[in-house]
Amino acid sequence: MPRCQDDSNLGYQLWSLALVPCTARVLYANDLRFTFIPILQGLLERLDSGEVVVGDGSFLLTLEKRGYVKAGLWTPEAVVEHPDAVRQLHMEFLRAGSDVMQTFTFSASEDNMGSQYFEHAVEAVWAVEVLKESGKPVAATMCIGPEGDMHGVTPGECAVKLVKAGASVVGVNCQFGPWTSLKTMSLMKEALQAAGLKAHFMVQSLGFHMPDCGKGGFLDLPEYPFVLEPRVATRWDIQKYAREAYNLGVRYIGGCCGFEPYHIRAIAEELAPERGFLPLASEKHGSWGSGLSTHTKPWIRARARREYWENLRPASGRPLCPSLSKPDA
């Protein structure tokens, strides 16, 4: 399988909604450069052609863990104070397989950060209508689960409203885990089909398992934000998420809070047959643990197979802890 190499001399092309894709790919096969493919299309052209677009992942939570963001206000002053840290994380996502870099501007408004995600369909519709005035295509995602927005508008109704307002790409981001997000996407897809409307689909779930979330998502769980590590999805979980998203018809697949670069690599590796190449980071990662085949211990060599990792039920190492929590709100 050819591998994708990023090139620091490549430029970037700005999309609406602050999406910045790499404009070229250099492919390698057996360590020999053999072709250069310019990527000059916009987001819609790529999605219209059936291409899988891999998004990026977590910034606020990841940079907080690295010591560059303060929990609470979650403001992005690291862009000014520690630009190298932000640039490094962008490069890690790019190397892991991201096609799109989203600018780190969450909560960057003058009134503090009054900017936020959309939990209300009416606000998302207003945003789409304003953005359409620019003449550029609009991608609109909402922070909702299967129960819908905070006013009881169902996911299907939200999707219909967004498309009628002019959104070309709709979906969900943040607040909920992979499987809950995919369930919500399924409801959106069903409603658009019933209404005779068409749009591309975009999903950016949390990198955590959150089956016990209420309508408000992971913010209401007692572990938020400092004790979420026991819930982190494995790379194999995310490969399954990527495959199920693809089978659902989603072609923009990425992550949000808790979604680390190795999670993005898992998406890129799972969908490598459809995309035609592997990311550069796969040079140090054997498919389904194949690198373990050279280990000195035979019981570890036995783990170098897909069946082992797909069927493993990982332990948490916390015998006195519950598997689920009760939301505070």
C-alpha atoms as a PDB file:
ATOM      1  CA  MET A   1       0.000   0.000   0.000  1.00  0.00           C
ATOM      2  CA  PRO A   2       1.458   3.416  -0.945  1.00  0.00           C
ATOM      3  CA  ARG A   3       2.136   5.801   1.908  1.00  0.00           C
ATOM      4  CA  CYS A   4       1.450   9.529   2.106  1.00  0.00           C
ATOM      5  CA  GLN A   5       4.294  11.896   2.890  1.00  0.00           C
ATOM      6  CA  ASP A   6       3.632  15.491   3.884  1.00  0.00           C
ATOM      7  CA  ASP A   7       6.002  18.132   2.559  1.00  0.00           C
ATOM      8  CA  SER A   8       6.738  21.237   4.615  1.00  0.00           C
ATOM      9  CA  ASN A   9       7.051  23.292   1.444  1.00  0.00           C
ATOM     10  CA  LEU A  10       3.472  22.652   0.398  1.00  0.00           C
ATOM     11  CA  GLY A  11       0.959  25.452   0.593  1.00  0.00           C
ATOM     12  CA  TYR A  12      -2.538  25.440   2.049  1.00  0.00           C
ATOM     13  CA  GLN A  13      -5.912  26.286   0.639  1.00  0.00           C
ATOM     14  CA  LEU A  14      -8.517  27.948   2.845  1.00  0.00           C
ATOM     15  CA  TRP A  15     -12.038  26.527   2.939  1.00  0.00           C
ATOM     16  CA  SER A  16     -15.031  28.129   4.588  1.00  0.00           C
ATOM     17  CA  LEU A  17     -15.554  27.327   8.265  1.00  0.00           C
ATOM     18  CA  ALA A  18     -11.800  27.623   8.757  1.00  0.00           C
ATOM     19  CA  LEU A  19     -10.973  24.275   7.198  1.00  0.00           C
ATOM     20  CA  VAL A  20      -7.428  24.136   5.882  1.00  0.00           C
ATOM     21  CA  PRO A  21      -6.471  21.110   3.755  1.00  0.00           C
ATOM     22  CA  CYS A  22      -3.079  19.985   2.595  1.00  0.00           C
ATOM     23  CA  THR A  23      -2.940  20.875  -1.095  1.00  0.00           C
ATOM     24  CA  ALA A  24      -0.735  18.046  -2.236  1.00  0.00           C
ATOM     25  CA  ARG A  25       0.311  14.526  -1.451  1.00  0.00           C
ATOM     26  CA  VAL A  26       3.550  12.761  -2.232  1.00  0.00           C
ATOM     27  CA  LEU A  27       3.065   9.007  -2.395  1.00  0.00           C
ATOM     28  CA  TYR A  28       5.692   6.441  -1.606  1.00  0.00           C
ATOM     29  CA  ALA A  29       5.815   2.747  -2.437  1.00  0.00           C
ATOM     30  CA  ASN A  30       8.613   0.592  -1.037  1.00  0.00           C
ATOM     31  CA  ASP A  31      10.368   3.813   0.005  1.00  0.00           C
ATOM     32  CA  LEU A  32      10.556   5.013  -3.615  1.00  0.00           C
ATOM     33  CA  ARG A  33       8.864   8.228  -4.605  1.00  0.00           C
ATOM     34  CA  PHE A  34       6.812   7.500  -7.683  1.00  0.00           C
ATOM     35  CA  THR A  35       4.098  10.082  -8.112  1.00  0.00           C
ATOM     36  CA  PHE A  36       3.026  13.544  -7.088  1.00  0.00           C
ATOM     37  CA  ILE A  37      -0.680  14.268  -6.904  1.00  0.00           C
ATOM     38  CA  PRO A  38      -1.823  17.888  -6.514  1.00  0.00           C
ATOM     39  CA  ILE A  39      -4.988  18.321  -4.444  1.00  0.00           C
ATOM     40  CA  LEU A  40      -6.538  21.512  -5.724  1.00  0.00           C
ATOM     41  CA  GLN A  41     -10.227  20.723  -5.319  1.00  0.00           C
ATOM     42  CA  GLY A  42     -12.346  22.236  -2.617  1.00  0.00           C
ATOM     43  CA  LEU A  43     -14.185  20.229   0.001  1.00  0.00           C
ATOM     44  CA  LEU A  44     -17.353  19.751  -2.030  1.00  0.00           C
ATOM     45  CA  GLU A  45     -15.484  18.635  -5.146  1.00  0.00           C
ATOM     46  CA  ARG A  46     -13.661  16.010  -3.131  1.00  0.00           C
ATOM     47  CA  LEU A  47     -16.827  14.780  -1.422  1.00  0.00           C
ATOM     48  CA  ASP A  48     -18.784  14.840  -4.691  1.00  0.00           C
ATOM     49  CA  SER A  49     -16.158  12.550  -6.210  1.00  0.00           C
ATOM     50  CA  GLY A  50     -16.704  10.039  -3.404  1.00  0.00           C
ATOM     51  CA  GLU A  51     -13.369  10.724  -1.733  1.00  0.00           C
ATOM     52  CA  VAL A  52     -13.015  10.014   1.985  1.00  0.00           C
ATOM     53  CA  VAL A  53     -11.848  13.159   3.776  1.00  0.00           C
ATOM     54  CA  VAL A  54     -10.117  12.556   7.116  1.00  0.00           C
ATOM     55  CA  GLY A  55     -10.453  15.331   9.661  1.00  0.00           C
ATOM     56  CA  ASP A  56      -8.262  16.188  12.621  1.00  0.00           C
ATOM     57  CA  GLY A  57      -8.879  15.709  16.337  1.00  0.00           C
ATOM     58  CA  SER A  58      -8.590  17.156  19.826  1.00  0.00           C
ATOM     59  CA  PHE A  59      -6.949  20.500  20.550  1.00  0.00           C
ATOM     60  CA  LEU A  60      -8.312  21.949  23.807  1.00  0.00           C
ATOM     61  CA  LEU A  61      -8.127  18.796  25.918  1.00  0.00           C
ATOM     62  CA  THR A  62      -4.876  17.641  24.339  1.00  0.00           C
ATOM     63  CA  LEU A  63      -3.123  20.984  24.783  1.00  0.00           C
ATOM     64  CA  GLU A  64      -4.447  21.226  28.358  1.00  0.00           C
ATOM     65  CA  LYS A  65      -2.775  17.890  29.140  1.00  0.00           C
ATOM     66  CA  ARG A  66       0.435  19.186  27.560  1.00  0.00           C
ATOM     67  CA  GLY A  67       0.365  22.324  29.713  1.00  0.00           C
ATOM     68  CA  TYR A  68      -0.650  24.950  27.140  1.00  0.00           C
ATOM     69  CA  VAL A  69      -4.381  25.487  27.817  1.00  0.00           C
ATOM     70  CA  LYS A  70      -6.150  26.199  31.123  1.00  0.00           C
ATOM     71  CA  ALA A  71      -9.280  24.194  31.865  1.00  0.00           C
ATOM     72  CA  GLY A  72     -12.397  26.213  32.600  1.00  0.00           C
ATOM     73  CA  LEU A  73     -12.489  29.015  30.078  1.00  0.00           C
ATOM     74  CA  TRP A  74     -10.741  26.776  27.526  1.00  0.00           C
ATOM     75  CA  THR A  75      -9.434  29.812  25.670  1.00  0.00           C
ATOM     76  CA  PRO A  76      -6.914  29.365  22.816  1.00  0.00           C
ATOM     77  CA  GLU A  77      -4.244  31.851  23.922  1.00  0.00           C
ATOM     78  CA  ALA A  78      -1.695  29.122  23.188  1.00  0.00           C
ATOM     79  CA  VAL A  79      -1.878  30.241  19.561  1.00  0.00           C
ATOM     80  CA  VAL A  80      -0.137  33.466  20.637  1.00  0.00           C
ATOM     81  CA  GLU A  81       1.810  32.284  23.704  1.00  0.00           C
ATOM     82  CA  HIS A  82       3.003  28.915  22.444  1.00  0.00           C
ATOM     83  CA  PRO A  83       2.529  28.800  18.660  1.00  0.00           C
ATOM     84  CA  ASP A  84       5.111  26.032  18.315  1.00  0.00           C
ATOM     85  CA  ALA A  85       2.993  23.751  20.522  1.00  0.00           C
ATOM     86  CA  VAL A  86      -0.076  24.366  18.376  1.00  0.00           C
ATOM     87  CA  ARG A  87       1.925  23.912  15.183  1.00  0.00           C
ATOM     88  CA  GLN A  88       3.371  20.654  16.513  1.00  0.00           C
ATOM     89  CA  LEU A  89      -0.083  19.230  17.188  1.00  0.00           C
ATOM     90  CA  HIS A  90      -1.235  20.255  13.709  1.00  0.00           C
ATOM     91  CA  MET A  91       1.772  18.464  12.233  1.00  0.00           C
ATOM     92  CA  GLU A  92       1.074  15.338  14.283  1.00  0.00           C
ATOM     93  CA  PHE A  93      -2.463  15.184  12.910  1.00  0.00           C
ATOM     94  CA  LEU A  94      -1.210  15.833   9.380  1.00  0.00           C
ATOM     95  CA  ARG A  95       1.380  13.076   9.686  1.00  0.00           C
ATOM     96  CA  ALA A  96      -1.270  10.730  11.096  1.00  0.00           C
ATOM     97  CA  GLY A  97      -3.444  11.176   8.004  1.00  0.00           C
ATOM     98  CA  SER A  98      -5.582  14.300   8.410  1.00  0.00           C
ATOM     99  CA  ASP A  99      -6.627  15.930   5.160  1.00  0.00           C
ATOM    100  CA  VAL A 100      -8.048  18.951   6.969  1.00  0.00           C
ATOM    101  CA  MET A 101      -6.601  21.252   9.631  1.00  0.00           C
ATOM    102  CA  GLN A 102      -9.252  23.187  11.554  1.00  0.00           C
ATOM    103  CA  THR A 103      -7.975  26.447  13.007  1.00  0.00           C
ATOM    104  CA  PHE A 104      -7.627  26.518  16.793  1.00  0.00           C
ATOM    105  CA  THR A 105     -10.101  29.355  17.429  1.00  0.00           C
ATOM    106  CA  PHE A 106     -12.721  27.845  19.758  1.00  0.00           C
ATOM    107  CA  SER A 107     -13.725  30.360  22.481  1.00  0.00           C
ATOM    108  CA  ALA A 108     -11.723  33.134  20.840  1.00  0.00           C
ATOM    109  CA  SER A 109     -14.389  35.837  20.778  1.00  0.00           C
ATOM    110  CA  GLU A 110     -13.856  39.183  22.516  1.00  0.00           C
ATOM    111  CA  ASP A 111     -16.715  38.701  24.964  1.00  0.00           C
ATOM    112  CA  ASN A 112     -15.127  35.398  26.073  1.00  0.00           C
ATOM    113  CA  MET A 113     -15.607  33.599  24.831  1.00  0.00           C
ATOM    114  CA  GLY A 114     -19.089  33.648  23.843  1.00  0.00           C
ATOM    115  CA  SER A 115     -18.297  31.459  20.862  1.00  0.00           C
ATOM    116  CA  GLN A 116     -19.480  27.915  21.343  1.00  0.00           C
ATOM    117  CA  TYR A 117     -20.732  24.839  19.594  1.00  0.00           C
ATOM    118  CA  PHE A 118     -24.317  24.561  18.390  1.00  0.00           C
ATOM    119  CA  GLU A 119     -26.730  22.781  20.735  1.00  0.00           C
ATOM    120  CA  HIS A 120     -29.771  24.594  19.331  1.00  0.00           C
ATOM    121  CA  ALA A 121     -30.972  24.141  15.774  1.00  0.00           C
ATOM    122  CA  VAL A 122     -32.190  27.720  15.491  1.00  0.00           C
ATOM    123  CA  GLU A 123     -28.685  29.079  16.181  1.00  0.00           C
ATOM    124  CA  ALA A 124     -27.082  26.688  13.712  1.00  0.00           C
ATOM    125  CA  VAL A 125     -29.571  27.714  11.032  1.00  0.00           C
ATOM    126  CA  TRP A 126     -28.788  31.395  11.629  1.00  0.00           C
ATOM    127  CA  ALA A 127     -25.082  30.655  11.267  1.00  0.00           C
ATOM    128  CA  VAL A 128     -25.604  28.791   8.004  1.00  0.00           C
ATOM    129  CA  GLU A 129     -27.704  31.618   6.574  1.00  0.00           C
ATOM    130  CA  VAL A 130     -25.021  34.191   7.439  1.00  0.00           C
ATOM    131  CA  LEU A 131     -22.197  32.054   6.040  1.00  0.00           C
ATOM    132  CA  LYS A 132     -24.101  31.449   2.808  1.00  0.00           C
ATOM    133  CA  GLU A 133     -23.895  35.184   2.164  1.00  0.00           C
ATOM    134  CA  SER A 134     -20.172  34.687   1.544  1.00  0.00           C
ATOM    135  CA  GLY A 135     -20.965  32.607  -1.512  1.00  0.00           C
ATOM    136  CA  LYS A 136     -18.881  29.721  -0.219  1.00  0.00           C
ATOM    137  CA  PRO A 137     -20.120  26.195   0.577  1.00  0.00           C
ATOM    138  CA  VAL A 138     -21.026  25.647   4.217  1.00  0.00           C
ATOM    139  CA  ALA A 139     -20.440  22.608   6.427  1.00  0.00           C
ATOM    140  CA  ALA A 140     -22.517  22.657   9.615  1.00  0.00           C
ATOM    141  CA  THR A 141     -22.270  20.243  12.520  1.00  0.00           C
ATOM    142  CA  MET A 142     -24.169  20.246  15.804  1.00  0.00           C
ATOM    143  CA  CYS A 143     -23.289  19.032  19.298  1.00  0.00           C
ATOM    144  CA  ILE A 144     -26.291  16.786  19.735  1.00  0.00           C
ATOM    145  CA  GLY A 145     -27.025  13.144  20.421  1.00  0.00           C
ATOM    146  CA  PRO A 146     -29.940  10.908  19.443  1.00  0.00           C
ATOM    147  CA  GLU A 147     -32.317  12.922  21.652  1.00  0.00           C
ATOM    148  CA  GLY A 148     -31.788  16.012  19.538  1.00  0.00           C
ATOM    149  CA  ASP A 149     -31.079  19.612  20.464  1.00  0.00           C
ATOM    150  CA  MET A 150     -31.733  21.305  23.811  1.00  0.00           C
ATOM    151  CA  HIS A 151     -35.197  22.396  22.663  1.00  0.00           C
ATOM    152  CA  GLY A 152     -36.310  18.928  21.627  1.00  0.00           C
ATOM    153  CA  VAL A 153     -35.691  19.272  17.894  1.00  0.00           C
ATOM    154  CA  THR A 154     -34.821  15.774  16.689  1.00  0.00           C
ATOM    155  CA  PRO A 155     -31.553  15.038  14.870  1.00  0.00           C
ATOM    156  CA  GLY A 156     -33.509  14.438  11.691  1.00  0.00           C
ATOM    157  CA  GLU A 157     -35.319  17.762  11.966  1.00  0.00           C
ATOM    158  CA  CYS A 158     -32.002  19.498  12.676  1.00  0.00           C
ATOM    159  CA  ALA A 159     -30.473  18.036   9.525  1.00  0.00           C
ATOM    160  CA  VAL A 160     -33.447  19.028   7.394  1.00  0.00           C
ATOM    161  CA  LYS A 161     -33.387  22.589   8.744  1.00  0.00           C
ATOM    162  CA  LEU A 162     -29.654  22.932   8.086  1.00  0.00           C
ATOM    163  CA  VAL A 163     -29.870  21.668   4.513  1.00  0.00           C
ATOM    164  CA  LYS A 164     -32.865  23.872   3.745  1.00  0.00           C
ATOM    165  CA  ALA A 165     -30.886  26.815   5.132  1.00  0.00           C
ATOM    166  CA  GLY A 166     -28.125  26.060   2.629  1.00  0.00           C
ATOM    167  CA  ALA A 167     -25.650  23.697   4.279  1.00  0.00           C
ATOM    168  CA  SER A 168     -23.928  21.344   1.856  1.00  0.00           C
ATOM    169  CA  VAL A 169     -22.404  19.176   4.590  1.00  0.00           C
ATOM    170  CA  VAL A 170     -24.168  18.311   7.854  1.00  0.00           C
ATOM    171  CA  GLY A 171     -23.385  16.175  10.854  1.00  0.00           C
ATOM    172  CA  VAL A 172     -22.346  16.115  14.491  1.00  0.00           C
ATOM    173  CA  ASN A 173     -19.249  16.925  16.501  1.00  0.00           C
ATOM    174  CA  CYS A 174     -18.082  16.609  20.122  1.00  0.00           C
ATOM    175  CA  GLN A 175     -20.142  15.889  23.281  1.00  0.00           C
ATOM    176  CA  PHE A 176     -20.797  12.200  22.506  1.00  0.00           C
ATOM    177  CA  GLY A 177     -18.767   9.065  21.879  1.00  0.00           C
ATOM    178  CA  PRO A 178     -18.265   7.236  18.583  1.00  0.00           C
ATOM    179  CA  TRP A 179     -21.257   4.894  18.685  1.00  0.00           C
ATOM    180  CA  THR A 180     -23.709   7.519  19.944  1.00  0.00           C
ATOM    181  CA  SER A 181     -22.508   9.947  17.272  1.00  0.00           C
ATOM    182  CA  LEU A 182     -23.035   7.349  14.550  1.00  0.00           C
ATOM    183  CA  LYS A 183     -26.549   6.642  15.813  1.00  0.00           C
ATOM    184  CA  THR A 184     -27.287  10.365  15.545  1.00  0.00           C
ATOM    185  CA  MET A 185     -25.845  10.447  12.031  1.00  0.00           C
ATOM    186  CA  SER A 186     -28.107   7.571  11.051  1.00  0.00           C
ATOM    187  CA  LEU A 187     -31.157   9.531  12.243  1.00  0.00           C
ATOM    188  CA  MET A 188     -30.046  12.553  10.230  1.00  0.00           C
ATOM    189  CA  LYS A 189     -29.550  10.478   7.111  1.00  0.00           C
ATOM    190  CA  GLU A 190     -32.972   8.825   7.424  1.00  0.00           C
ATOM    191  CA  ALA A 191     -34.722  12.187   7.792  1.00  0.00           C
ATOM    192  CA  LEU A 192     -32.978  13.733   4.783  1.00  0.00           C
ATOM    193  CA  GLN A 193     -33.854  10.741   2.646  1.00  0.00           C
ATOM    194  CA  ALA A 194     -37.499  10.932   3.763  1.00  0.00           C
ATOM    195  CA  ALA A 195     -37.576  14.655   2.925  1.00  0.00           C
ATOM    196  CA  GLY A 196     -36.010  14.085  -0.495  1.00  0.00           C
ATOM    197  CA  LEU A 197     -32.991  16.218   0.409  1.00  0.00           C
ATOM    198  CA  LYS A 198     -29.318  15.515  -0.279  1.00  0.00           C
ATOM    199  CA  ALA A 199     -26.195  16.496   1.604  1.00  0.00           C
ATOM    200  CA  HIS A 200     -22.786  15.140   2.488  1.00  0.00           C
ATOM    201  CA  PHE A 201     -22.233  13.813   5.996  1.00  0.00           C
ATOM    202  CA  MET A 202     -19.566  14.740   8.518  1.00  0.00           C
ATOM    203  CA  VAL A 203     -18.883  13.129  11.925  1.00  0.00           C
ATOM    204  CA  GLN A 204     -16.365  14.208  14.565  1.00  0.00           C
ATOM    205  CA  SER A 205     -17.006  12.249  17.748  1.00  0.00           C
ATOM    206  CA  LEU A 206     -15.259  12.312  21.089  1.00  0.00           C
ATOM    207  CA  GLY A 207     -12.321   9.984  21.553  1.00  0.00           C
ATOM    208  CA  PHE A 208     -13.990   8.586  24.672  1.00  0.00           C
ATOM    209  CA  HIS A 209     -16.617   5.927  25.379  1.00  0.00           C
ATOM    210  CA  MET A 210     -19.697   7.802  26.621  1.00  0.00           C
ATOM    211  CA  PRO A 211     -22.734   5.474  26.575  1.00  0.00           C
ATOM    212  CA  ASP A 212     -23.940   6.928  29.892  1.00  0.00           C
ATOM    213  CA  CYS A 213     -24.203  10.531  28.662  1.00  0.00           C
ATOM    214  CA  GLY A 214     -27.465  12.344  29.016  1.00  0.00           C
ATOM    215  CA  LYS A 215     -28.793  14.900  26.589  1.00  0.00           C
ATOM    216  CA  GLY A 216     -26.046  17.354  27.560  1.00  0.00           C
ATOM    217  CA  GLY A 217     -23.240  15.029  26.576  1.00  0.00           C
ATOM    218  CA  PHE A 218     -20.001  14.374  28.403  1.00  0.00           C
ATOM    219  CA  LEU A 219     -19.933  17.780  30.110  1.00  0.00           C
ATOM    220  CA  ASP A 220     -22.502  16.481  32.617  1.00  0.00           C
ATOM    221  CA  LEU A 221     -20.521  13.406  33.642  1.00  0.00           C
ATOM    222  CA  PRO A 222     -18.652  13.668  36.973  1.00  0.00           C
ATOM    223  CA  GLU A 223     -15.342  12.696  35.340  1.00  0.00           C
ATOM    224  CA  TYR A 224     -15.297  15.766  33.051  1.00  0.00           C
ATOM    225  CA  PRO A 225     -12.749  17.154  32.371  1.00  0.00           C
ATOM    226  CA  PHE A 226      -9.891  15.743  34.459  1.00  0.00           C
ATOM    227  CA  VAL A 227     -10.657  12.023  34.864  1.00  0.00           C
ATOM    228  CA  LEU A 228     -11.664  10.959  31.361  1.00  0.00           C
ATOM    229  CA  GLU A 229      -8.614   8.778  30.681  1.00  0.00           C
ATOM    230  CA  PRO A 230     -10.293   5.468  31.686  1.00  0.00           C
ATOM    231  CA  ARG A 231     -12.808   6.084  28.905  1.00  0.00           C
ATOM    232  CA  VAL A 232     -10.315   6.624  26.068  1.00  0.00           C
ATOM    233  CA  ALA A 233     -11.174   4.678  22.924  1.00  0.00           C
ATOM    234  CA  THR A 234      -8.502   2.310  21.643  1.00  0.00           C
ATOM    235  CA  ARG A 235      -7.062   2.554  18.145  1.00  0.00           C
ATOM    236  CA  TRP A 236      -9.032  -0.578  17.265  1.00  0.00           C
ATOM    237  CA  ASP A 237     -12.267   1.024  18.511  1.00  0.00           C
ATOM    238  CA  ILE A 238     -11.626   3.913  16.161  1.00  0.00           C
ATOM    239  CA  GLN A 239     -10.928   1.635  13.205  1.00  0.00           C
ATOM    240  CA  LYS A 240     -14.369   0.128  13.808  1.00  0.00           C
ATOM    241  CA  TYR A 241     -15.868   3.626  14.128  1.00  0.00           C
ATOM    242  CA  ALA A 242     -14.295   4.626  10.807  1.00  0.00           C
ATOM    243  CA  ARG A 243     -15.610   1.544   9.033  1.00  0.00           C
ATOM    244  CA  GLU A 244     -19.131   1.934  10.417  1.00  0.00           C
ATOM    245  CA  ALA A 245     -19.149   5.624   9.516  1.00  0.00           C
ATOM    246  CA  TYR A 246     -18.054   4.801   5.976  1.00  0.00           C
ATOM    247  CA  ASN A 247     -20.695   2.075   5.655  1.00  0.00           C
ATOM    248  CA  LEU A 248     -23.289   4.595   6.818  1.00  0.00           C
ATOM    249  CA  GLY A 249     -22.342   6.896   3.967  1.00  0.00           C
ATOM    250  CA  VAL A 250     -20.288   9.405   5.953  1.00  0.00           C
ATOM    251  CA  ARG A 251     -17.338  10.656   3.908  1.00  0.00           C
ATOM    252  CA  TYR A 252     -15.894  13.315   6.216  1.00  0.00           C
ATOM    253  CA  ILE A 253     -14.660  11.391   9.264  1.00  0.00           C
ATOM    254  CA  GLY A 254     -12.666  12.910  12.102  1.00  0.00           C
ATOM    255  CA  GLY A 255     -12.753  13.523  15.822  1.00  0.00           C
ATOM    256  CA  CYS A 256     -13.068  16.131  18.522  1.00  0.00           C
ATOM    257  CA  CYS A 257     -12.102  16.206  22.225  1.00  0.00           C
ATOM    258  CA  GLY A 258      -9.968  13.247  23.256  1.00  0.00           C
ATOM    259  CA  PHE A 259      -9.212  12.296  19.659  1.00  0.00           C
ATOM    260  CA  GLU A 260      -5.430  11.951  19.531  1.00  0.00           C
ATOM    261  CA  PRO A 261      -3.206  11.670  16.431  1.00  0.00           C
ATOM    262  CA  TYR A 262      -3.044   7.876  16.737  1.00  0.00           C
ATOM    263  CA  HIS A 263      -6.848   7.837  16.549  1.00  0.00           C
ATOM    264  CA  ILE A 264      -6.672   9.769  13.276  1.00  0.00           C
ATOM    265  CA  ARG A 265      -4.072   7.278  12.037  1.00  0.00           C
ATOM    266  CA  ALA A 266      -6.547   4.501  12.854  1.00  0.00           C
ATOM    267  CA  ILE A 267      -9.164   6.132  10.603  1.00  0.00           C
ATOM    268  CA  ALA A 268      -6.642   6.559   7.791  1.00  0.00           C
ATOM    269  CA  GLU A 269      -5.435   2.965   8.113  1.00  0.00           C
ATOM    270  CA  GLU A 270      -8.908   1.447   8.231  1.00  0.00           C
ATOM    271  CA  LEU A 271      -9.959   3.328   5.105  1.00  0.00           C
ATOM    272  CA  ALA A 272      -6.637   2.961   3.280  1.00  0.00           C
ATOM    273  CA  PRO A 273      -8.171   0.488   0.768  1.00  0.00           C
ATOM    274  CA  GLU A 274     -10.733   3.127  -0.232  1.00  0.00           C
ATOM    275  CA  ARG A 275      -8.259   6.029  -0.145  1.00  0.00           C
ATOM    276  CA  GLY A 276      -5.416   4.205  -1.893  1.00  0.00           C
ATOM    277  CA  PHE A 277      -2.622   5.103   0.515  1.00  0.00           C
ATOM    278  CA  LEU A 278      -1.467   5.020   4.128  1.00  0.00           C
ATOM    279  CA  PRO A 279      -0.373   8.026   6.186  1.00  0.00           C
ATOM    280  CA  LEU A 280       3.281   8.673   6.902  1.00  0.00           C
ATOM    281  CA  ALA A 281       2.789   7.696  10.568  1.00  0.00           C
ATOM    282  CA  SER A 282       1.940   4.141   9.471  1.00  0.00           C
ATOM    283  CA  GLU A 283       5.604   3.580   8.692  1.00  0.00           C
ATOM    284  CA  LYS A 284       6.015   3.025  12.437  1.00  0.00           C
ATOM    285  CA  HIS A 285       2.815   1.054  12.950  1.00  0.00           C
ATOM    286  CA  GLY A 286       2.207  -2.479  11.761  1.00  0.00           C
ATOM    287  CA  SER A 287      -1.345  -3.240  10.682  1.00  0.00           C
ATOM    288  CA  TRP A 288      -3.312  -4.947  13.466  1.00  0.00           C
ATOM    289  CA  GLY A 289      -0.210  -5.443  15.580  1.00  0.00           C
ATOM    290  CA  SER A 290       1.837  -7.154  12.875  1.00  0.00           C
ATOM    291  CA  GLY A 291       5.007  -5.583  14.276  1.00  0.00           C
ATOM    292  CA  LEU A 292       4.715  -7.880  17.282  1.00  0.00           C
ATOM    293  CA  SER A 293       5.526 -10.882  15.085  1.00  0.00           C
ATOM    294  CA  THR A 294       9.244 -10.350  15.756  1.00  0.00           C
ATOM    295  CA  HIS A 295       8.942 -10.128  19.540  1.00  0.00           C
ATOM    296  CA  THR A 296      11.144 -12.438  21.583  1.00  0.00           C
ATOM    297  CA  LYS A 297       8.257 -13.755  23.706  1.00  0.00           C
ATOM    298  CA  PRO A 298       5.961 -16.238  21.925  1.00  0.00           C
ATOM    299  CA  TRP A 299       2.791 -15.198  23.759  1.00  0.00           C
ATOM    300  CA  ILE A 300       3.321 -11.637  22.545  1.00  0.00           C
ATOM    301  CA  ARG A 301       4.061 -12.835  19.001  1.00  0.00           C
ATOM    302  CA  ALA A 302       0.686 -14.569  19.153  1.00  0.00           C
ATOM    303  CA  ARG A 303      -0.968 -11.161  19.439  1.00  0.00           C
ATOM    304  CA  ALA A 304       0.176 -10.095  15.968  1.00  0.00           C
ATOM    305  CA  ARG A 305      -3.202 -10.706  14.351  1.00  0.00           C
ATOM    306  CA  ARG A 306      -6.424  -8.851  13.780  1.00  0.00           C
ATOM    307  CA  GLU A 307      -8.661 -11.441  15.477  1.00  0.00           C
ATOM    308  CA  TYR A 308      -6.809 -11.015  18.769  1.00  0.00           C
ATOM    309  CA  TRP A 309      -7.278  -7.247  18.973  1.00  0.00           C
ATOM    310  CA  GLU A 310     -10.828  -7.217  17.604  1.00  0.00           C
ATOM    311  CA  ASN A 311     -12.017  -9.704  20.214  1.00  0.00           C
ATOM    312  CA  LEU A 312     -10.034  -8.454  23.214  1.00  0.00           C
ATOM    313  CA  ARG A 313     -12.096  -7.059  26.091  1.00  0.00           C
ATOM    314  CA  PRO A 314      -9.608  -4.652  27.706  1.00  0.00           C
ATOM    315  CA  ALA A 315      -9.464  -4.379  31.484  1.00  0.00           C
ATOM    316  CA  SER A 316      -9.384  -0.979  33.185  1.00  0.00           C
ATOM    317  CA  GLY A 317      -7.110  -2.026  36.038  1.00  0.00           C
ATOM    318  CA  ARG A 318      -9.542  -0.394  38.492  1.00  0.00           C
ATOM    319  CA  PRO A 319     -11.389  -3.231  40.251  1.00  0.00           C
ATOM    320  CA  LEU A 320     -13.356  -0.954  42.605  1.00  0.00           C
ATOM    321  CA  CYS A 321     -14.551   1.486  39.930  1.00  0.00           C
ATOM    322  CA  PRO A 322     -17.898   1.293  38.109  1.00  0.00           C
ATOM    323  CA  SER A 323     -18.012   0.978  34.337  1.00  0.00           C
ATOM    324  CA  LEU A 324     -20.587   3.761  33.988  1.00  0.00           C
ATOM    325  CA  SER A 325     -21.436   7.006  35.782  1.00  0.00           C
ATOM    326  CA  LYS A 326     -24.559   9.029  36.465  1.00  0.00           C
ATOM    327  CA  PRO A 327     -24.718  12.482  34.859  1.00  0.00           C
ATOM    328  CA  ASP A 328     -24.822  15.383  37.323  1.00  0.00           C
ATOM    329  CA  ALA A 329     -27.457  17.157  35.267  1.00  0.00           C
END
